[in-house]
Amino acid sequence: MKKEVISGEGVPQSTLPFSPALKVNNLVFVSGQASVDESGKIVDDNFEGEVRRSFENARKILAAAGLDFSHVVQVRNYVARQEDLVEFNQIYEEYFQPPYPARTTLIGCLGTLLKFEVDLIAYAE
């Protein structure tokens, strides 16, 4: 099994021990993306801002792999507060269209540091 680290211009970096994404055969596994800048520093924002920054970080990683959101087959979302779920679903539909990827959404699991995080798996043909 060959593992290829996905990196490139605009891909957020981290001082933590993980790769932004790994390509293994035809699958790209994108690590959890939060509201961070390119250096990995957390950018505190309102809920919408954090969701959009997280998805845009995921977009940059997918682009570095030659992919986009249409290649995504699974999405896992982590929403800090249940009250934000309706707004989250509205934003989500701006990034994903039918047929939607398989999806899991966990609520109340982030503590107080983040309002949102997302990780995903994409298929590279």
N, C-alpha and C. Protein backbone atom coordinates (compact mmCIF):
# COMPACT_ATOMS: atom_id res chain seq x y z
N MET A 1 0.85 -1.18 0.00
CA MET A 1 0.00 0.00 0.00
C MET A 1 0.89 1.23 0.00
N LYS A 2 0.64 2.10 -0.94
CA LYS A 2 1.39 3.34 -1.05
C LYS A 2 0.56 4.48 -0.47
N LYS A 3 1.17 5.28 0.40
CA LYS A 3 0.51 6.45 0.97
C LYS A 3 1.20 7.70 0.45
N GLU A 4 0.41 8.62 -0.07
CA GLU A 4 0.94 9.88 -0.57
C GLU A 4 0.34 11.03 0.24
N VAL A 5 1.20 11.85 0.84
CA VAL A 5 0.73 13.01 1.59
C VAL A 5 0.30 14.09 0.60
N ILE A 6 -0.88 14.64 0.81
CA ILE A 6 -1.38 15.74 -0.02
C ILE A 6 -0.96 17.05 0.63
N SER A 7 -0.27 17.86 -0.15
CA SER A 7 0.13 19.18 0.34
C SER A 7 0.17 20.11 -0.86
N GLY A 8 0.38 21.36 -0.61
CA GLY A 8 0.44 22.32 -1.71
C GLY A 8 0.14 23.71 -1.23
N GLU A 9 0.15 24.64 -2.16
CA GLU A 9 -0.10 26.04 -1.84
C GLU A 9 -1.49 26.21 -1.25
N GLY A 10 -1.55 26.91 -0.11
CA GLY A 10 -2.82 27.20 0.53
C GLY A 10 -3.33 26.10 1.45
N VAL A 11 -2.69 24.93 1.41
CA VAL A 11 -3.12 23.84 2.29
C VAL A 11 -2.71 24.17 3.72
N PRO A 12 -3.67 24.22 4.64
CA PRO A 12 -3.33 24.55 6.02
C PRO A 12 -2.34 23.54 6.62
N GLN A 13 -1.37 24.05 7.33
CA GLN A 13 -0.38 23.23 8.01
C GLN A 13 -0.73 23.17 9.49
N SER A 14 -0.11 22.23 10.18
CA SER A 14 -0.34 22.11 11.61
C SER A 14 0.94 21.71 12.30
N THR A 15 1.06 22.10 13.54
CA THR A 15 2.20 21.64 14.34
C THR A 15 1.88 20.32 15.01
N LEU A 16 0.64 19.86 14.88
CA LEU A 16 0.22 18.58 15.46
C LEU A 16 0.65 17.43 14.55
N PRO A 17 0.76 16.23 15.08
CA PRO A 17 1.27 15.10 14.30
C PRO A 17 0.21 14.45 13.40
N PHE A 18 -0.15 15.12 12.29
CA PHE A 18 -1.04 14.52 11.30
C PHE A 18 -0.80 15.18 9.95
N SER A 19 -1.13 14.46 8.89
CA SER A 19 -1.05 14.99 7.53
C SER A 19 -2.36 15.68 7.18
N PRO A 20 -2.33 16.73 6.35
CA PRO A 20 -3.58 17.36 5.93
C PRO A 20 -4.50 16.35 5.24
N ALA A 21 -3.90 15.47 4.44
CA ALA A 21 -4.66 14.41 3.77
C ALA A 21 -3.68 13.35 3.27
N LEU A 22 -4.19 12.16 3.10
CA LEU A 22 -3.43 11.05 2.53
C LEU A 22 -4.20 10.48 1.36
N LYS A 23 -3.46 10.22 0.28
CA LYS A 23 -4.05 9.49 -0.83
C LYS A 23 -3.56 8.06 -0.74
N VAL A 24 -4.50 7.13 -0.69
CA VAL A 24 -4.19 5.70 -0.65
C VAL A 24 -5.00 5.06 -1.77
N ASN A 25 -4.29 4.56 -2.78
CA ASN A 25 -4.94 4.06 -3.99
C ASN A 25 -5.84 5.15 -4.56
N ASN A 26 -7.13 4.91 -4.70
CA ASN A 26 -8.02 5.92 -5.29
C ASN A 26 -8.79 6.72 -4.25
N LEU A 27 -8.43 6.59 -2.99
CA LEU A 27 -9.14 7.32 -1.94
C LEU A 27 -8.25 8.41 -1.35
N VAL A 28 -8.87 9.55 -1.07
CA VAL A 28 -8.18 10.66 -0.39
C VAL A 28 -8.89 10.89 0.93
N PHE A 29 -8.15 10.73 2.01
CA PHE A 29 -8.66 10.90 3.37
C PHE A 29 -8.21 12.27 3.88
N VAL A 30 -9.15 13.19 4.03
CA VAL A 30 -8.85 14.55 4.48
C VAL A 30 -9.03 14.60 5.99
N SER A 31 -7.96 15.00 6.69
CA SER A 31 -8.02 15.14 8.14
C SER A 31 -9.02 16.21 8.55
N GLY A 32 -9.42 16.17 9.80
CA GLY A 32 -10.37 17.15 10.32
C GLY A 32 -9.91 18.56 10.03
N GLN A 33 -10.81 19.33 9.42
CA GLN A 33 -10.52 20.73 9.10
C GLN A 33 -11.40 21.63 9.94
N ALA A 34 -10.74 22.57 10.58
CA ALA A 34 -11.42 23.52 11.45
C ALA A 34 -11.18 24.93 10.94
N SER A 35 -11.60 25.88 11.68
CA SER A 35 -11.43 27.29 11.33
C SER A 35 -10.00 27.70 11.69
N VAL A 36 -9.07 27.39 10.78
CA VAL A 36 -7.66 27.74 11.00
C VAL A 36 -7.12 28.49 9.78
N ASP A 37 -6.05 29.26 10.01
CA ASP A 37 -5.38 29.92 8.89
C ASP A 37 -4.35 28.94 8.30
N GLU A 38 -3.58 29.39 7.32
CA GLU A 38 -2.64 28.50 6.64
C GLU A 38 -1.55 27.95 7.55
N SER A 39 -1.27 28.64 8.65
CA SER A 39 -0.24 28.16 9.59
C SER A 39 -0.83 27.21 10.63
N GLY A 40 -2.14 27.02 10.59
CA GLY A 40 -2.79 26.13 11.55
C GLY A 40 -3.30 26.82 12.79
N LYS A 41 -3.18 28.14 12.84
CA LYS A 41 -3.67 28.91 14.00
C LYS A 41 -5.19 29.01 13.93
N ILE A 42 -5.86 28.71 15.05
CA ILE A 42 -7.32 28.78 15.10
C ILE A 42 -7.79 30.21 14.91
N VAL A 43 -8.79 30.38 14.05
CA VAL A 43 -9.41 31.68 13.80
C VAL A 43 -10.80 31.62 14.44
N ASP A 44 -10.95 32.31 15.55
CA ASP A 44 -12.24 32.36 16.25
C ASP A 44 -13.20 33.23 15.44
N ASP A 45 -14.39 32.73 15.21
CA ASP A 45 -15.36 33.44 14.38
C ASP A 45 -16.75 33.02 14.84
N ASN A 46 -17.78 33.59 14.22
CA ASN A 46 -19.13 33.11 14.50
C ASN A 46 -19.29 31.74 13.84
N PHE A 47 -20.40 31.07 14.09
CA PHE A 47 -20.59 29.72 13.59
C PHE A 47 -20.46 29.65 12.07
N GLU A 48 -21.16 30.53 11.35
CA GLU A 48 -21.10 30.51 9.89
C GLU A 48 -19.66 30.68 9.40
N GLY A 49 -18.93 31.63 9.98
CA GLY A 49 -17.55 31.86 9.57
C GLY A 49 -16.67 30.64 9.78
N GLU A 50 -16.87 29.95 10.90
CA GLU A 50 -16.06 28.76 11.17
C GLU A 50 -16.41 27.62 10.22
N VAL A 51 -17.69 27.46 9.91
CA VAL A 51 -18.08 26.40 8.97
C VAL A 51 -17.49 26.69 7.60
N ARG A 52 -17.65 27.91 7.13
CA ARG A 52 -17.14 28.25 5.80
C ARG A 52 -15.63 28.12 5.72
N ARG A 53 -14.91 28.58 6.74
CA ARG A 53 -13.44 28.46 6.74
C ARG A 53 -13.04 26.99 6.74
N SER A 54 -13.73 26.16 7.50
CA SER A 54 -13.43 24.73 7.53
C SER A 54 -13.64 24.09 6.17
N PHE A 55 -14.77 24.39 5.52
CA PHE A 55 -15.02 23.84 4.19
C PHE A 55 -14.04 24.39 3.15
N GLU A 56 -13.68 25.65 3.27
CA GLU A 56 -12.71 26.21 2.32
C GLU A 56 -11.34 25.57 2.51
N ASN A 57 -10.97 25.27 3.75
CA ASN A 57 -9.71 24.54 3.97
C ASN A 57 -9.78 23.16 3.33
N ALA A 58 -10.90 22.49 3.48
CA ALA A 58 -11.07 21.18 2.84
C ALA A 58 -11.01 21.32 1.32
N ARG A 59 -11.60 22.39 0.78
CA ARG A 59 -11.56 22.63 -0.66
C ARG A 59 -10.11 22.77 -1.15
N LYS A 60 -9.29 23.50 -0.41
CA LYS A 60 -7.88 23.68 -0.79
C LYS A 60 -7.14 22.35 -0.81
N ILE A 61 -7.43 21.51 0.16
CA ILE A 61 -6.77 20.20 0.22
C ILE A 61 -7.22 19.33 -0.95
N LEU A 62 -8.52 19.30 -1.21
CA LEU A 62 -9.02 18.55 -2.35
C LEU A 62 -8.39 19.04 -3.65
N ALA A 63 -8.29 20.36 -3.82
CA ALA A 63 -7.69 20.93 -5.03
C ALA A 63 -6.23 20.49 -5.17
N ALA A 64 -5.52 20.42 -4.07
CA ALA A 64 -4.12 19.97 -4.12
C ALA A 64 -4.01 18.52 -4.58
N ALA A 65 -5.10 17.77 -4.42
CA ALA A 65 -5.15 16.38 -4.88
C ALA A 65 -5.78 16.28 -6.27
N GLY A 66 -6.12 17.43 -6.88
CA GLY A 66 -6.75 17.44 -8.19
C GLY A 66 -8.24 17.10 -8.14
N LEU A 67 -8.87 17.33 -7.01
CA LEU A 67 -10.27 16.98 -6.80
C LEU A 67 -11.09 18.18 -6.37
N ASP A 68 -12.41 17.99 -6.27
CA ASP A 68 -13.29 19.00 -5.72
C ASP A 68 -14.39 18.30 -4.92
N PHE A 69 -15.36 19.05 -4.44
CA PHE A 69 -16.39 18.47 -3.58
C PHE A 69 -17.25 17.41 -4.30
N SER A 70 -17.30 17.44 -5.62
CA SER A 70 -18.07 16.42 -6.33
C SER A 70 -17.44 15.03 -6.21
N HIS A 71 -16.19 14.96 -5.81
CA HIS A 71 -15.49 13.67 -5.62
C HIS A 71 -15.67 13.09 -4.22
N VAL A 72 -16.30 13.85 -3.34
CA VAL A 72 -16.44 13.43 -1.94
C VAL A 72 -17.50 12.34 -1.83
N VAL A 73 -17.15 11.25 -1.13
CA VAL A 73 -18.09 10.14 -0.94
C VAL A 73 -18.57 10.01 0.50
N GLN A 74 -17.83 10.62 1.44
CA GLN A 74 -18.27 10.59 2.84
C GLN A 74 -17.82 11.86 3.54
N VAL A 75 -18.72 12.38 4.38
CA VAL A 75 -18.44 13.59 5.16
C VAL A 75 -18.81 13.32 6.61
N ARG A 76 -17.90 13.68 7.51
CA ARG A 76 -18.21 13.63 8.94
C ARG A 76 -18.12 15.04 9.47
N ASN A 77 -19.20 15.49 10.10
CA ASN A 77 -19.31 16.86 10.60
C ASN A 77 -19.42 16.84 12.12
N TYR A 78 -18.79 17.81 12.73
CA TYR A 78 -18.79 17.93 14.19
C TYR A 78 -19.28 19.34 14.52
N VAL A 79 -20.49 19.41 15.08
CA VAL A 79 -21.15 20.69 15.37
C VAL A 79 -21.21 20.83 16.89
N ALA A 80 -20.69 21.93 17.39
CA ALA A 80 -20.61 22.11 18.85
C ALA A 80 -21.99 22.23 19.50
N ARG A 81 -22.90 23.00 18.87
CA ARG A 81 -24.19 23.27 19.51
C ARG A 81 -25.35 22.84 18.63
N GLN A 82 -26.30 22.16 19.22
CA GLN A 82 -27.48 21.71 18.48
C GLN A 82 -28.22 22.88 17.85
N GLU A 83 -28.21 24.04 18.49
CA GLU A 83 -28.91 25.22 17.98
C GLU A 83 -28.39 25.64 16.60
N ASP A 84 -27.19 25.22 16.24
CA ASP A 84 -26.58 25.62 14.97
C ASP A 84 -26.86 24.63 13.83
N LEU A 85 -27.58 23.56 14.10
CA LEU A 85 -27.78 22.50 13.11
C LEU A 85 -28.55 22.98 11.88
N VAL A 86 -29.58 23.79 12.04
CA VAL A 86 -30.34 24.28 10.88
C VAL A 86 -29.44 25.13 9.99
N GLU A 87 -28.70 26.04 10.59
CA GLU A 87 -27.78 26.89 9.82
C GLU A 87 -26.71 26.04 9.13
N PHE A 88 -26.21 25.04 9.84
CA PHE A 88 -25.21 24.15 9.25
C PHE A 88 -25.76 23.49 7.99
N ASN A 89 -26.95 22.94 8.05
CA ASN A 89 -27.53 22.26 6.89
C ASN A 89 -27.71 23.19 5.70
N GLN A 90 -28.05 24.45 5.96
CA GLN A 90 -28.18 25.42 4.88
C GLN A 90 -26.83 25.67 4.21
N ILE A 91 -25.78 25.83 5.01
CA ILE A 91 -24.44 26.07 4.45
C ILE A 91 -23.95 24.82 3.73
N TYR A 92 -24.20 23.65 4.31
CA TYR A 92 -23.76 22.38 3.73
C TYR A 92 -24.25 22.23 2.29
N GLU A 93 -25.49 22.63 2.04
CA GLU A 93 -26.05 22.49 0.69
C GLU A 93 -25.41 23.44 -0.33
N GLU A 94 -24.66 24.42 0.13
CA GLU A 94 -23.91 25.26 -0.79
C GLU A 94 -22.66 24.55 -1.30
N TYR A 95 -22.16 23.60 -0.54
CA TYR A 95 -20.93 22.89 -0.88
C TYR A 95 -21.18 21.52 -1.51
N PHE A 96 -22.29 20.89 -1.20
CA PHE A 96 -22.59 19.55 -1.69
C PHE A 96 -23.96 19.53 -2.35
N GLN A 97 -24.03 18.86 -3.51
CA GLN A 97 -25.28 18.72 -4.24
C GLN A 97 -25.60 17.23 -4.40
N PRO A 98 -26.87 16.93 -4.73
CA PRO A 98 -27.24 15.53 -4.96
C PRO A 98 -26.44 14.94 -6.13
N PRO A 99 -26.13 13.69 -6.10
CA PRO A 99 -26.35 12.79 -4.97
C PRO A 99 -25.36 13.13 -3.85
N TYR A 100 -25.92 13.40 -2.67
CA TYR A 100 -25.09 13.81 -1.53
C TYR A 100 -24.17 12.68 -1.10
N PRO A 101 -23.00 13.05 -0.54
CA PRO A 101 -22.14 12.01 0.03
C PRO A 101 -22.81 11.36 1.24
N ALA A 102 -22.34 10.18 1.59
CA ALA A 102 -22.74 9.60 2.88
C ALA A 102 -22.31 10.59 3.96
N ARG A 103 -23.06 10.66 5.05
CA ARG A 103 -22.79 11.73 6.02
C ARG A 103 -23.09 11.28 7.44
N THR A 104 -22.24 11.74 8.34
CA THR A 104 -22.47 11.62 9.78
C THR A 104 -22.32 13.01 10.37
N THR A 105 -23.20 13.38 11.29
CA THR A 105 -23.09 14.66 11.99
C THR A 105 -23.19 14.40 13.48
N LEU A 106 -22.13 14.75 14.19
CA LEU A 106 -22.10 14.61 15.64
C LEU A 106 -22.28 15.98 16.27
N ILE A 107 -23.07 16.04 17.33
CA ILE A 107 -23.36 17.31 17.99
C ILE A 107 -22.85 17.27 19.42
N GLY A 108 -22.29 18.40 19.87
CA GLY A 108 -21.88 18.53 21.27
C GLY A 108 -20.59 17.82 21.62
N CYS A 109 -19.68 17.69 20.68
CA CYS A 109 -18.47 16.90 20.93
C CYS A 109 -17.18 17.70 20.82
N LEU A 110 -17.24 19.01 20.70
CA LEU A 110 -16.03 19.79 20.43
C LEU A 110 -15.48 20.57 21.62
N GLY A 111 -16.14 20.60 22.72
CA GLY A 111 -15.66 21.45 23.81
C GLY A 111 -15.92 22.91 23.48
N THR A 112 -15.05 23.80 23.94
CA THR A 112 -15.29 25.23 23.74
C THR A 112 -14.32 25.88 22.76
N LEU A 113 -13.33 25.15 22.27
CA LEU A 113 -12.31 25.74 21.40
C LEU A 113 -12.82 26.00 19.98
N LEU A 114 -13.65 25.09 19.46
CA LEU A 114 -14.16 25.18 18.10
C LEU A 114 -15.68 25.11 18.08
N LYS A 115 -16.26 25.69 17.05
CA LYS A 115 -17.71 25.59 16.85
C LYS A 115 -18.05 24.52 15.81
N PHE A 116 -17.05 24.16 14.97
CA PHE A 116 -17.30 23.22 13.88
C PHE A 116 -15.98 22.60 13.42
N GLU A 117 -16.08 21.36 12.94
CA GLU A 117 -14.95 20.68 12.29
C GLU A 117 -15.54 19.69 11.29
N VAL A 118 -14.79 19.40 10.23
CA VAL A 118 -15.24 18.45 9.21
C VAL A 118 -14.06 17.61 8.75
N ASP A 119 -14.31 16.33 8.50
CA ASP A 119 -13.33 15.50 7.79
C ASP A 119 -14.09 14.75 6.69
N LEU A 120 -13.37 14.33 5.67
CA LEU A 120 -14.05 13.70 4.55
C LEU A 120 -13.16 12.72 3.81
N ILE A 121 -13.82 11.93 2.98
CA ILE A 121 -13.15 10.97 2.11
C ILE A 121 -13.62 11.24 0.69
N ALA A 122 -12.66 11.31 -0.23
CA ALA A 122 -12.99 11.55 -1.62
C ALA A 122 -12.43 10.41 -2.49
N TYR A 123 -13.05 10.22 -3.63
CA TYR A 123 -12.64 9.18 -4.57
C TYR A 123 -11.97 9.85 -5.76
N ALA A 124 -10.73 9.44 -6.04
CA ALA A 124 -9.99 9.96 -7.18
C ALA A 124 -10.01 8.92 -8.29
N GLU A 125 -10.62 9.25 -9.40
CA GLU A 125 -10.74 8.29 -10.52
C GLU A 125 -9.43 8.12 -11.24
